[in-house]
All heavy atoms as atom14 arrays in JSON, in Angstrom:
{
  "sequence": "GLGVWGLVLGSYAAVLVEFNLAWLFARWRPRLRLASLAMWRELVGYG",
  "atom14_mask": [
    [1, 1, 1, 1, 0, 0, 0, 0, 0, 0, 0, 0, 0, 0],
    [1, 1, 1, 1, 1, 1, 1, 1, 0, 0, 0, 0, 0, 0],
    [1, 1, 1, 1, 0, 0, 0, 0, 0, 0, 0, 0, 0, 0],
    [1, 1, 1, 1, 1, 1, 1, 0, 0, 0, 0, 0, 0, 0],
    [1, 1, 1, 1, 1, 1, 1, 1, 1, 1, 1, 1, 1, 1],
    [1, 1, 1, 1, 0, 0, 0, 0, 0, 0, 0, 0, 0, 0],
    [1, 1, 1, 1, 1, 1, 1, 1, 0, 0, 0, 0, 0, 0],
    [1, 1, 1, 1, 1, 1, 1, 0, 0, 0, 0, 0, 0, 0],
    [1, 1, 1, 1, 1, 1, 1, 1, 0, 0, 0, 0, 0, 0],
    [1, 1, 1, 1, 0, 0, 0, 0, 0, 0, 0, 0, 0, 0],
    [1, 1, 1, 1, 1, 1, 0, 0, 0, 0, 0, 0, 0, 0],
    [1, 1, 1, 1, 1, 1, 1, 1, 1, 1, 1, 1, 0, 0],
    [1, 1, 1, 1, 1, 0, 0, 0, 0, 0, 0, 0, 0, 0],
    [1, 1, 1, 1, 1, 0, 0, 0, 0, 0, 0, 0, 0, 0],
    [1, 1, 1, 1, 1, 1, 1, 0, 0, 0, 0, 0, 0, 0],
    [1, 1, 1, 1, 1, 1, 1, 1, 0, 0, 0, 0, 0, 0],
    [1, 1, 1, 1, 1, 1, 1, 0, 0, 0, 0, 0, 0, 0],
    [1, 1, 1, 1, 1, 1, 1, 1, 1, 0, 0, 0, 0, 0],
    [1, 1, 1, 1, 1, 1, 1, 1, 1, 1, 1, 0, 0, 0],
    [1, 1, 1, 1, 1, 1, 1, 1, 0, 0, 0, 0, 0, 0],
    [1, 1, 1, 1, 1, 1, 1, 1, 0, 0, 0, 0, 0, 0],
    [1, 1, 1, 1, 1, 0, 0, 0, 0, 0, 0, 0, 0, 0],
    [1, 1, 1, 1, 1, 1, 1, 1, 1, 1, 1, 1, 1, 1],
    [1, 1, 1, 1, 1, 1, 1, 1, 0, 0, 0, 0, 0, 0],
    [1, 1, 1, 1, 1, 1, 1, 1, 1, 1, 1, 0, 0, 0],
    [1, 1, 1, 1, 1, 0, 0, 0, 0, 0, 0, 0, 0, 0],
    [1, 1, 1, 1, 1, 1, 1, 1, 1, 1, 1, 0, 0, 0],
    [1, 1, 1, 1, 1, 1, 1, 1, 1, 1, 1, 1, 1, 1],
    [1, 1, 1, 1, 1, 1, 1, 1, 1, 1, 1, 0, 0, 0],
    [1, 1, 1, 1, 1, 1, 1, 0, 0, 0, 0, 0, 0, 0],
    [1, 1, 1, 1, 1, 1, 1, 1, 1, 1, 1, 0, 0, 0],
    [1, 1, 1, 1, 1, 1, 1, 1, 0, 0, 0, 0, 0, 0],
    [1, 1, 1, 1, 1, 1, 1, 1, 1, 1, 1, 0, 0, 0],
    [1, 1, 1, 1, 1, 1, 1, 1, 0, 0, 0, 0, 0, 0],
    [1, 1, 1, 1, 1, 0, 0, 0, 0, 0, 0, 0, 0, 0],
    [1, 1, 1, 1, 1, 1, 0, 0, 0, 0, 0, 0, 0, 0],
    [1, 1, 1, 1, 1, 1, 1, 1, 0, 0, 0, 0, 0, 0],
    [1, 1, 1, 1, 1, 0, 0, 0, 0, 0, 0, 0, 0, 0],
    [1, 1, 1, 1, 1, 1, 1, 1, 0, 0, 0, 0, 0, 0],
    [1, 1, 1, 1, 1, 1, 1, 1, 1, 1, 1, 1, 1, 1],
    [1, 1, 1, 1, 1, 1, 1, 1, 1, 1, 1, 0, 0, 0],
    [1, 1, 1, 1, 1, 1, 1, 1, 1, 0, 0, 0, 0, 0],
    [1, 1, 1, 1, 1, 1, 1, 1, 0, 0, 0, 0, 0, 0],
    [1, 1, 1, 1, 1, 1, 1, 0, 0, 0, 0, 0, 0, 0],
    [1, 1, 1, 1, 0, 0, 0, 0, 0, 0, 0, 0, 0, 0],
    [1, 1, 1, 1, 1, 1, 1, 1, 1, 1, 1, 1, 0, 0],
    [1, 1, 1, 1, 0, 0, 0, 0, 0, 0, 0, 0, 0, 0]
  ],
  "atom14_positions": [
    [[15.59, 24.82, 6.77], [15.85, 24.78, 8.13], [14.99, 23.77, 9.0], [14.95, 23.94, 10.19], [0.0, 0.0, 0.0], [0.0, 0.0, 0.0], [0.0, 0.0, 0.0], [0.0, 0.0, 0.0], [0.0, 0.0, 0.0], [0.0, 0.0, 0.0], [0.0, 0.0, 0.0], [0.0, 0.0, 0.0], [0.0, 0.0, 0.0], [0.0, 0.0, 0.0]],
    [[14.29, 22.86, 8.32], [13.38, 21.96, 9.02], [14.13, 20.79, 9.62], [13.67, 20.03, 10.48], [12.36, 21.44, 8.14], [11.28, 22.49, 7.79], [10.23, 21.81, 6.81], [10.54, 23.01, 8.99], [0.0, 0.0, 0.0], [0.0, 0.0, 0.0], [0.0, 0.0, 0.0], [0.0, 0.0, 0.0], [0.0, 0.0, 0.0], [0.0, 0.0, 0.0]],
    [[15.43, 20.65, 9.3], [16.17, 19.5, 9.93], [15.62, 18.14, 9.7], [15.21, 17.86, 8.57], [0.0, 0.0, 0.0], [0.0, 0.0, 0.0], [0.0, 0.0, 0.0], [0.0, 0.0, 0.0], [0.0, 0.0, 0.0], [0.0, 0.0, 0.0], [0.0, 0.0, 0.0], [0.0, 0.0, 0.0], [0.0, 0.0, 0.0], [0.0, 0.0, 0.0]],
    [[15.53, 17.48, 10.74], [15.1, 16.06, 10.63], [13.65, 15.87, 10.12], [13.36, 14.97, 9.39], [15.21, 15.31, 12.05], [14.21, 15.92, 13.05], [14.83, 13.77, 11.83], [0.0, 0.0, 0.0], [0.0, 0.0, 0.0], [0.0, 0.0, 0.0], [0.0, 0.0, 0.0], [0.0, 0.0, 0.0], [0.0, 0.0, 0.0], [0.0, 0.0, 0.0]],
    [[12.89, 16.96, 10.34], [11.42, 16.95, 9.81], [11.44, 17.09, 8.27], [10.45, 16.66, 7.69], [10.64, 17.99, 10.48], [10.64, 17.8, 11.92], [11.2, 18.43, 12.96], [9.85, 16.74, 12.62], [10.95, 17.97, 14.19], [10.09, 16.91, 13.96], [8.95, 15.73, 12.17], [9.53, 16.06, 14.91], [8.51, 14.86, 13.11], [8.68, 15.02, 14.41]],
    [[12.49, 17.61, 7.66], [12.56, 17.54, 6.26], [12.71, 16.23, 5.7], [12.13, 15.93, 4.66], [0.0, 0.0, 0.0], [0.0, 0.0, 0.0], [0.0, 0.0, 0.0], [0.0, 0.0, 0.0], [0.0, 0.0, 0.0], [0.0, 0.0, 0.0], [0.0, 0.0, 0.0], [0.0, 0.0, 0.0], [0.0, 0.0, 0.0], [0.0, 0.0, 0.0]],
    [[13.42, 15.32, 6.39], [13.61, 13.94, 6.01], [12.28, 13.19, 6.2], [11.94, 12.3, 5.36], [14.74, 13.25, 6.81], [16.06, 13.89, 6.69], [17.12, 13.14, 7.66], [16.54, 13.85, 5.27], [0.0, 0.0, 0.0], [0.0, 0.0, 0.0], [0.0, 0.0, 0.0], [0.0, 0.0, 0.0], [0.0, 0.0, 0.0], [0.0, 0.0, 0.0]],
    [[11.58, 13.5, 7.21], [10.2, 12.91, 7.51], [9.19, 13.34, 6.29], [8.59, 12.42, 5.77], [9.63, 13.32, 8.87], [8.19, 12.8, 8.98], [10.48, 12.85, 9.95], [0.0, 0.0, 0.0], [0.0, 0.0, 0.0], [0.0, 0.0, 0.0], [0.0, 0.0, 0.0], [0.0, 0.0, 0.0], [0.0, 0.0, 0.0], [0.0, 0.0, 0.0]],
    [[9.2, 14.58, 5.99], [8.42, 14.96, 4.92], [8.74, 14.35, 3.62], [7.97, 13.94, 2.83], [8.5, 16.53, 4.74], [7.79, 17.36, 5.76], [8.1, 18.82, 5.67], [6.36, 17.18, 5.78], [0.0, 0.0, 0.0], [0.0, 0.0, 0.0], [0.0, 0.0, 0.0], [0.0, 0.0, 0.0], [0.0, 0.0, 0.0], [0.0, 0.0, 0.0]],
    [[10.06, 14.16, 3.32], [10.57, 13.57, 2.13], [10.09, 12.05, 2.0], [9.71, 11.53, 1.03], [0.0, 0.0, 0.0], [0.0, 0.0, 0.0], [0.0, 0.0, 0.0], [0.0, 0.0, 0.0], [0.0, 0.0, 0.0], [0.0, 0.0, 0.0], [0.0, 0.0, 0.0], [0.0, 0.0, 0.0], [0.0, 0.0, 0.0], [0.0, 0.0, 0.0]],
    [[10.1, 11.37, 3.31], [9.68, 10.03, 3.28], [8.22, 9.87, 2.96], [7.69, 8.94, 2.23], [9.9, 9.43, 4.71], [11.29, 9.36, 4.91], [0.0, 0.0, 0.0], [0.0, 0.0, 0.0], [0.0, 0.0, 0.0], [0.0, 0.0, 0.0], [0.0, 0.0, 0.0], [0.0, 0.0, 0.0], [0.0, 0.0, 0.0], [0.0, 0.0, 0.0]],
    [[7.44, 10.74, 3.51], [5.9, 10.76, 3.25], [5.68, 10.95, 1.82], [4.74, 10.35, 1.12], [5.22, 11.7, 4.15], [4.68, 11.15, 5.41], [5.38, 11.19, 6.55], [3.47, 10.4, 5.43], [4.96, 10.55, 7.8], [3.0, 9.86, 6.69], [3.84, 9.91, 7.76], [3.25, 9.37, 8.87], [0.0, 0.0, 0.0], [0.0, 0.0, 0.0]],
    [[6.41, 12.03, 1.23], [6.14, 12.35, -0.11], [6.5, 11.12, -0.96], [5.77, 10.74, -1.98], [6.99, 13.5, -0.64], [0.0, 0.0, 0.0], [0.0, 0.0, 0.0], [0.0, 0.0, 0.0], [0.0, 0.0, 0.0], [0.0, 0.0, 0.0], [0.0, 0.0, 0.0], [0.0, 0.0, 0.0], [0.0, 0.0, 0.0], [0.0, 0.0, 0.0]],
    [[7.54, 10.39, -0.78], [8.02, 9.19, -1.53], [6.99, 8.03, -1.47], [6.71, 7.54, -2.43], [9.31, 8.76, -1.06], [0.0, 0.0, 0.0], [0.0, 0.0, 0.0], [0.0, 0.0, 0.0], [0.0, 0.0, 0.0], [0.0, 0.0, 0.0], [0.0, 0.0, 0.0], [0.0, 0.0, 0.0], [0.0, 0.0, 0.0], [0.0, 0.0, 0.0]],
    [[6.47, 7.85, -0.25], [5.58, 6.68, -0.01], [4.3, 7.05, -0.79], [3.52, 6.18, -1.4], [5.29, 6.5, 1.46], [4.16, 5.46, 1.67], [6.49, 6.01, 2.1], [0.0, 0.0, 0.0], [0.0, 0.0, 0.0], [0.0, 0.0, 0.0], [0.0, 0.0, 0.0], [0.0, 0.0, 0.0], [0.0, 0.0, 0.0], [0.0, 0.0, 0.0]],
    [[3.91, 8.3, -0.78], [2.61, 8.71, -1.46], [2.69, 8.51, -3.01], [1.8, 8.06, -3.65], [2.25, 10.19, -1.18], [1.66, 10.47, 0.17], [1.61, 11.97, 0.45], [0.16, 9.95, 0.19], [0.0, 0.0, 0.0], [0.0, 0.0, 0.0], [0.0, 0.0, 0.0], [0.0, 0.0, 0.0], [0.0, 0.0, 0.0], [0.0, 0.0, 0.0]],
    [[3.88, 8.82, -3.53], [4.17, 8.6, -4.98], [4.06, 7.13, -5.2], [3.39, 6.73, -6.23], [5.49, 9.21, -5.37], [5.91, 8.65, -6.75], [5.48, 10.78, -5.44], [0.0, 0.0, 0.0], [0.0, 0.0, 0.0], [0.0, 0.0, 0.0], [0.0, 0.0, 0.0], [0.0, 0.0, 0.0], [0.0, 0.0, 0.0], [0.0, 0.0, 0.0]],
    [[4.68, 6.29, -4.43], [4.63, 4.89, -4.67], [3.13, 4.34, -4.64], [2.87, 3.51, -5.36], [5.56, 4.14, -3.59], [7.1, 4.36, -3.71], [7.8, 3.74, -2.62], [7.19, 3.25, -1.68], [9.06, 3.86, -2.73], [0.0, 0.0, 0.0], [0.0, 0.0, 0.0], [0.0, 0.0, 0.0], [0.0, 0.0, 0.0], [0.0, 0.0, 0.0]],
    [[2.52, 4.83, -3.6], [1.05, 4.31, -3.45], [0.27, 4.61, -4.62], [-0.43, 3.84, -5.11], [0.59, 5.02, -2.12], [-0.93, 4.71, -1.92], [-1.26, 3.59, -1.17], [-2.01, 5.46, -2.33], [-2.58, 3.29, -0.79], [-3.23, 5.18, -2.14], [-3.63, 4.07, -1.3], [0.0, 0.0, 0.0], [0.0, 0.0, 0.0], [0.0, 0.0, 0.0]],
    [[0.3, 5.95, -5.1], [-0.46, 6.46, -6.21], [-0.08, 5.74, -7.47], [-0.96, 5.32, -8.28], [-0.49, 7.89, -6.34], [-1.28, 8.63, -5.31], [-2.32, 8.32, -4.89], [-0.63, 9.65, -4.64], [0.0, 0.0, 0.0], [0.0, 0.0, 0.0], [0.0, 0.0, 0.0], [0.0, 0.0, 0.0], [0.0, 0.0, 0.0], [0.0, 0.0, 0.0]],
    [[1.2, 5.53, -7.75], [1.68, 4.91, -9.02], [1.23, 3.47, -8.96], [0.87, 2.84, -10.12], [3.15, 5.08, -9.06], [3.63, 6.42, -9.46], [5.19, 6.42, -9.55], [3.04, 6.93, -10.82], [0.0, 0.0, 0.0], [0.0, 0.0, 0.0], [0.0, 0.0, 0.0], [0.0, 0.0, 0.0], [0.0, 0.0, 0.0], [0.0, 0.0, 0.0]],
    [[1.26, 2.79, -7.8], [1.01, 1.34, -7.8], [-0.5, 1.15, -8.19], [-0.82, 0.26, -9.06], [1.25, 0.79, -6.36], [0.0, 0.0, 0.0], [0.0, 0.0, 0.0], [0.0, 0.0, 0.0], [0.0, 0.0, 0.0], [0.0, 0.0, 0.0], [0.0, 0.0, 0.0], [0.0, 0.0, 0.0], [0.0, 0.0, 0.0], [0.0, 0.0, 0.0]],
    [[-1.36, 1.96, -7.59], [-2.74, 1.83, -8.01], [-3.07, 2.3, -9.5], [-3.9, 1.69, -10.19], [-3.65, 2.59, -6.99], [-3.83, 1.88, -5.76], [-3.14, 2.07, -4.57], [-4.76, 0.87, -5.41], [-3.55, 1.22, -3.56], [-4.56, 0.51, -4.08], [-5.71, 0.29, -6.16], [-5.39, -0.44, -3.46], [-6.53, -0.78, -5.6], [-6.33, -1.07, -4.2]],
    [[-2.38, 3.18, -9.94], [-2.59, 3.82, -11.26], [-2.14, 2.77, -12.29], [-2.89, 2.41, -13.27], [-1.69, 4.99, -11.48], [-1.71, 5.68, -12.86], [-3.09, 6.17, -13.26], [-0.6, 6.69, -13.01], [0.0, 0.0, 0.0], [0.0, 0.0, 0.0], [0.0, 0.0, 0.0], [0.0, 0.0, 0.0], [0.0, 0.0, 0.0], [0.0, 0.0, 0.0]],
    [[-0.96, 2.06, -12.14], [-0.5, 1.12, -13.08], [-1.25, -0.23, -12.98], [-1.33, -0.91, -13.93], [1.01, 1.04, -12.96], [1.76, 2.19, -13.42], [2.68, 2.8, -12.67], [1.64, 2.62, -14.73], [3.37, 3.94, -12.96], [2.35, 3.77, -15.14], [3.2, 4.41, -14.27], [0.0, 0.0, 0.0], [0.0, 0.0, 0.0], [0.0, 0.0, 0.0]],
    [[-1.61, -0.6, -11.75], [-2.3, -1.8, -11.65], [-3.69, -1.88, -12.3], [-4.09, -2.9, -12.71], [-2.53, -2.2, -10.14], [0.0, 0.0, 0.0], [0.0, 0.0, 0.0], [0.0, 0.0, 0.0], [0.0, 0.0, 0.0], [0.0, 0.0, 0.0], [0.0, 0.0, 0.0], [0.0, 0.0, 0.0], [0.0, 0.0, 0.0], [0.0, 0.0, 0.0]],
    [[-4.32, -0.72, -12.31], [-5.69, -0.63, -12.97], [-6.54, -1.71, -12.35], [-7.25, -2.41, -13.23], [-5.56, -0.82, -14.54], [-4.7, 0.4, -15.16], [-4.68, 0.23, -16.61], [-3.93, 1.36, -17.13], [-3.7, 1.41, -18.51], [-4.17, 0.51, -19.41], [-3.02, 2.52, -18.94], [0.0, 0.0, 0.0], [0.0, 0.0, 0.0], [0.0, 0.0, 0.0]],
    [[-6.6, -1.84, -11.14], [-7.44, -2.83, -10.42], [-8.31, -2.12, -9.49], [-8.08, -1.23, -8.72], [-6.56, -3.86, -9.74], [-7.26, -4.89, -9.04], [-8.05, -5.86, -9.32], [-7.29, -4.91, -7.52], [-8.51, -6.64, -8.32], [-8.1, -6.16, -7.12], [-6.76, -4.26, -6.49], [-8.3, -6.46, -5.86], [-7.03, -4.56, -5.17], [-7.71, -5.69, -4.84]],
    [[-9.63, -2.67, -9.53], [-10.57, -2.02, -8.54], [-11.08, -3.13, -7.6], [-11.57, -4.18, -8.0], [-11.79, -1.53, -9.24], [-11.42, -0.23, -10.2], [-11.1, 0.93, -9.33], [-10.63, 2.07, -10.08], [-9.43, 2.31, -10.47], [-8.5, 1.47, -10.05], [-9.1, 3.39, -11.22], [0.0, 0.0, 0.0], [0.0, 0.0, 0.0], [0.0, 0.0, 0.0]],
    [[-10.74, -2.96, -6.32], [-11.11, -4.09, -5.35], [-12.61, -4.27, -5.16], [-13.46, -3.32, -5.46], [-10.5, -3.52, -4.05], [-10.48, -1.99, -4.28], [-10.19, -1.8, -5.73], [0.0, 0.0, 0.0], [0.0, 0.0, 0.0], [0.0, 0.0, 0.0], [0.0, 0.0, 0.0], [0.0, 0.0, 0.0], [0.0, 0.0, 0.0], [0.0, 0.0, 0.0]],
    [[-12.99, -5.43, -4.93], [-14.43, -5.83, -4.55], [-14.31, -6.61, -3.26], [-14.17, -7.81, -3.2], [-15.02, -6.76, -5.64], [-15.25, -6.05, -7.0], [-15.75, -6.99, -8.05], [-14.77, -7.92, -8.54], [-14.96, -8.93, -9.28], [-16.24, -9.22, -9.64], [-13.99, -9.82, -9.71], [0.0, 0.0, 0.0], [0.0, 0.0, 0.0], [0.0, 0.0, 0.0]],
    [[-14.35, -5.83, -2.26], [-14.02, -6.28, -0.88], [-15.07, -7.42, -0.37], [-14.71, -8.23, 0.45], [-14.18, -5.11, 0.2], [-13.11, -4.07, -0.08], [-13.15, -2.98, 1.05], [-11.6, -4.62, -0.18], [0.0, 0.0, 0.0], [0.0, 0.0, 0.0], [0.0, 0.0, 0.0], [0.0, 0.0, 0.0], [0.0, 0.0, 0.0], [0.0, 0.0, 0.0]],
    [[-16.11, -7.59, -1.14], [-17.08, -8.57, -0.67], [-16.56, -10.04, -0.99], [-17.06, -10.96, -0.49], [-18.46, -8.37, -1.43], [-18.37, -8.58, -2.93], [-19.73, -8.39, -3.52], [-19.75, -8.54, -5.03], [-19.37, -7.71, -5.83], [-19.01, -6.46, -5.46], [-19.42, -7.87, -7.15], [0.0, 0.0, 0.0], [0.0, 0.0, 0.0], [0.0, 0.0, 0.0]],
    [[-15.64, -9.99, -1.89], [-14.9, -11.27, -2.25], [-13.92, -11.88, -1.16], [-13.6, -12.95, -1.25], [-14.2, -11.17, -3.5], [-15.07, -10.93, -4.73], [-14.09, -10.75, -6.01], [-16.06, -12.02, -5.04], [0.0, 0.0, 0.0], [0.0, 0.0, 0.0], [0.0, 0.0, 0.0], [0.0, 0.0, 0.0], [0.0, 0.0, 0.0], [0.0, 0.0, 0.0]],
    [[-13.62, -10.96, -0.22], [-12.65, -11.38, 0.78], [-13.24, -12.42, 1.71], [-14.51, -12.32, 2.03], [-12.18, -10.1, 1.65], [0.0, 0.0, 0.0], [0.0, 0.0, 0.0], [0.0, 0.0, 0.0], [0.0, 0.0, 0.0], [0.0, 0.0, 0.0], [0.0, 0.0, 0.0], [0.0, 0.0, 0.0], [0.0, 0.0, 0.0], [0.0, 0.0, 0.0]],
    [[-12.53, -13.37, 2.14], [-13.03, -14.48, 2.93], [-11.93, -14.91, 3.95], [-10.82, -14.77, 3.76], [-13.52, -15.66, 2.12], [-12.35, -16.28, 1.49], [0.0, 0.0, 0.0], [0.0, 0.0, 0.0], [0.0, 0.0, 0.0], [0.0, 0.0, 0.0], [0.0, 0.0, 0.0], [0.0, 0.0, 0.0], [0.0, 0.0, 0.0], [0.0, 0.0, 0.0]],
    [[-12.53, -15.44, 5.12], [-11.62, -15.92, 6.2], [-10.83, -17.25, 5.64], [-9.73, -17.44, 6.02], [-12.38, -16.29, 7.32], [-11.67, -16.86, 8.56], [-10.55, -15.76, 9.04], [-12.59, -17.14, 9.76], [0.0, 0.0, 0.0], [0.0, 0.0, 0.0], [0.0, 0.0, 0.0], [0.0, 0.0, 0.0], [0.0, 0.0, 0.0], [0.0, 0.0, 0.0]],
    [[-11.5, -18.1, 4.83], [-10.93, -19.23, 4.33], [-9.76, -18.89, 3.42], [-8.76, -19.5, 3.48], [-11.97, -20.08, 3.56], [0.0, 0.0, 0.0], [0.0, 0.0, 0.0], [0.0, 0.0, 0.0], [0.0, 0.0, 0.0], [0.0, 0.0, 0.0], [0.0, 0.0, 0.0], [0.0, 0.0, 0.0], [0.0, 0.0, 0.0], [0.0, 0.0, 0.0]],
    [[-9.82, -17.88, 2.56], [-8.78, -17.55, 1.67], [-7.7, -16.98, 2.5], [-6.5, -17.09, 2.25], [-9.32, -16.48, 0.61], [-8.26, -15.91, -0.26], [-7.27, -17.22, -1.15], [-8.44, -17.83, -2.37], [0.0, 0.0, 0.0], [0.0, 0.0, 0.0], [0.0, 0.0, 0.0], [0.0, 0.0, 0.0], [0.0, 0.0, 0.0], [0.0, 0.0, 0.0]],
    [[-8.0, -16.18, 3.53], [-6.99, -15.5, 4.34], [-6.15, -16.67, 5.06], [-4.89, -16.51, 5.0], [-7.7, -14.72, 5.44], [-6.62, -14.19, 6.43], [-5.88, -13.05, 6.23], [-6.3, -14.66, 7.77], [-5.15, -12.77, 7.38], [-5.31, -13.77, 8.34], [-6.82, -15.72, 8.48], [-4.81, -13.92, 9.58], [-6.25, -15.92, 9.71], [-5.29, -14.92, 10.26]],
    [[-6.73, -17.71, 5.43], [-6.08, -18.84, 5.99], [-5.02, -19.47, 5.06], [-3.88, -19.85, 5.32], [-6.91, -19.88, 6.61], [-7.69, -19.37, 7.86], [-8.81, -20.34, 8.24], [-9.4, -20.02, 9.47], [-10.63, -20.48, 9.86], [-11.25, -21.47, 9.1], [-11.15, -20.11, 11.01], [0.0, 0.0, 0.0], [0.0, 0.0, 0.0], [0.0, 0.0, 0.0]],
    [[-5.5, -19.61, 3.76], [-4.6, -20.16, 2.76], [-3.46, -19.33, 2.53], [-2.27, -19.75, 2.35], [-5.42, -20.29, 1.48], [-6.49, -21.39, 1.52], [-7.17, -21.57, 0.1], [-6.48, -21.29, -0.82], [-8.4, -22.07, 0.1], [0.0, 0.0, 0.0], [0.0, 0.0, 0.0], [0.0, 0.0, 0.0], [0.0, 0.0, 0.0], [0.0, 0.0, 0.0]],
    [[-3.66, -17.88, 2.37], [-2.67, -16.98, 2.12], [-1.58, -16.89, 3.33], [-0.35, -16.87, 3.04], [-3.24, -15.65, 1.91], [-4.11, -15.46, 0.67], [-4.71, -14.01, 0.64], [-3.3, -15.69, -0.61], [0.0, 0.0, 0.0], [0.0, 0.0, 0.0], [0.0, 0.0, 0.0], [0.0, 0.0, 0.0], [0.0, 0.0, 0.0], [0.0, 0.0, 0.0]],
    [[-2.15, -16.91, 4.54], [-1.21, -16.99, 5.61], [-0.45, -18.23, 5.72], [0.71, -18.25, 5.96], [-2.09, -16.73, 6.97], [-1.15, -16.96, 8.19], [-2.65, -15.37, 7.04], [0.0, 0.0, 0.0], [0.0, 0.0, 0.0], [0.0, 0.0, 0.0], [0.0, 0.0, 0.0], [0.0, 0.0, 0.0], [0.0, 0.0, 0.0], [0.0, 0.0, 0.0]],
    [[-1.08, -19.36, 5.41], [-0.3, -20.63, 5.35], [0.85, -20.57, 4.43], [1.89, -21.19, 4.73], [0.0, 0.0, 0.0], [0.0, 0.0, 0.0], [0.0, 0.0, 0.0], [0.0, 0.0, 0.0], [0.0, 0.0, 0.0], [0.0, 0.0, 0.0], [0.0, 0.0, 0.0], [0.0, 0.0, 0.0], [0.0, 0.0, 0.0], [0.0, 0.0, 0.0]],
    [[0.76, -19.94, 3.31], [1.8, -19.78, 2.35], [2.75, -18.66, 2.82], [4.08, -18.78, 2.83], [1.34, -19.43, 1.03], [2.45, -19.26, -0.03], [2.91, -20.41, -0.79], [3.13, -18.05, -0.24], [3.9, -20.26, -1.78], [4.01, -17.98, -1.25], [4.46, -19.08, -1.94], [5.5, -18.94, -2.88], [0.0, 0.0, 0.0], [0.0, 0.0, 0.0]],
    [[2.34, -17.57, 3.19], [3.12, -16.41, 3.54], [3.96, -16.55, 4.75], [4.99, -15.88, 5.06], [0.0, 0.0, 0.0], [0.0, 0.0, 0.0], [0.0, 0.0, 0.0], [0.0, 0.0, 0.0], [0.0, 0.0, 0.0], [0.0, 0.0, 0.0], [0.0, 0.0, 0.0], [0.0, 0.0, 0.0], [0.0, 0.0, 0.0], [0.0, 0.0, 0.0]]
  ]
}
């Protein structure tokens, strides 16, 4: 009986599954100290 809120809950559940599986299968650990403004400009230039 939750109506539209049932669809909202379903959306959050789906996104959480996608998020967790992406990190699980990627097996990658970020090292944020490597981030740089110069690289961001390069990525934005392409993107």
